[in-house]
């Protein structure tokens, strides 16, 4: 019973860590897209 409990806790920790990683990656991609968009606006003007 305790083995299952520890396994569930471990899985929850990995799931939460994965969400943070994906969220951080999304923010990096968004920042990169904004930088490209700003440069494109500079070239256009």
Protein backbone atom coordinates (compact mmCIF):
# COMPACT_ATOMS: atom_id res chain seq x y z
CA UNK A 1 0.00 0.00 0.00
CA UNK A 2 2.75 2.47 0.93
CA UNK A 3 4.69 1.52 -2.21
CA UNK A 4 1.73 2.63 -4.35
CA UNK A 5 1.46 5.85 -2.38
CA UNK A 6 5.13 6.69 -2.93
CA UNK A 7 4.82 5.84 -6.59
CA UNK A 8 1.85 8.19 -6.96
CA UNK A 9 3.74 10.99 -5.19
CA UNK A 10 6.74 10.46 -7.45
CA UNK A 11 4.56 10.55 -10.57
CA UNK A 12 2.91 13.76 -9.38
CA UNK A 13 6.29 15.40 -8.83
CA UNK A 14 7.43 14.48 -12.34
CA UNK A 15 4.15 15.70 -13.84
CA UNK A 16 4.44 19.05 -12.10
CA UNK A 17 8.08 19.41 -13.11
CA UNK A 18 7.14 18.63 -16.70
CA UNK A 19 4.44 21.29 -16.71
CA UNK A 20 6.89 23.89 -15.47
CA UNK A 21 9.40 22.90 -18.12
CA UNK A 22 6.85 23.11 -20.92
CA UNK A 23 5.56 26.43 -19.60
CA UNK A 24 9.09 27.81 -19.52
CA UNK A 25 9.74 26.57 -23.03
CA UNK A 26 6.53 28.24 -24.21
CA UNK A 27 7.62 31.53 -22.68
CA UNK A 28 11.01 31.26 -24.43
CA UNK A 29 9.37 30.58 -27.78
CA UNK A 30 6.99 33.49 -27.24
CA UNK A 31 9.88 35.83 -26.41
CA UNK A 32 11.72 34.69 -29.54
CA UNK A 33 8.63 35.30 -31.66
CA UNK A 34 8.22 38.77 -30.23
CA UNK A 35 11.86 39.58 -31.02
CA UNK A 36 11.41 38.44 -34.63
CA UNK A 37 8.22 40.47 -34.91
CA UNK A 38 9.93 43.60 -33.58
CA UNK A 39 12.78 43.22 -36.08
CA UNK A 40 10.28 42.73 -38.90
CA UNK A 41 8.49 45.91 -37.84
CA UNK A 42 11.81 47.78 -37.80
CA UNK A 43 12.61 46.62 -41.34
CA UNK A 44 9.13 47.48 -42.58
CA UNK A 45 9.32 51.02 -41.17
